[in-house]
């Protein structure tokens, strides 16, 4: 598990697990979580997921990525 995950706030563990499930490897999930995303106001998913509302946004994006949904 990447070192910065160990400093995760309470909202992030579910997001990290969802990302790993979506991208299938911890490395791919970690890369996605640490890259700014245009649908998250150019914040990284980890930055956005520091609040409950932000974690919900990231989870919705992960569901769309995994299942081909629309945001």
Foldseek 3Di string as FASTA:
>chain_A
DDPVVVVADPQCPVLQVLLCVQVVHSVNSVVQQCFQDVQLVRHGLSVQSNDNVSSVSSNVVSCCSRVVDDD
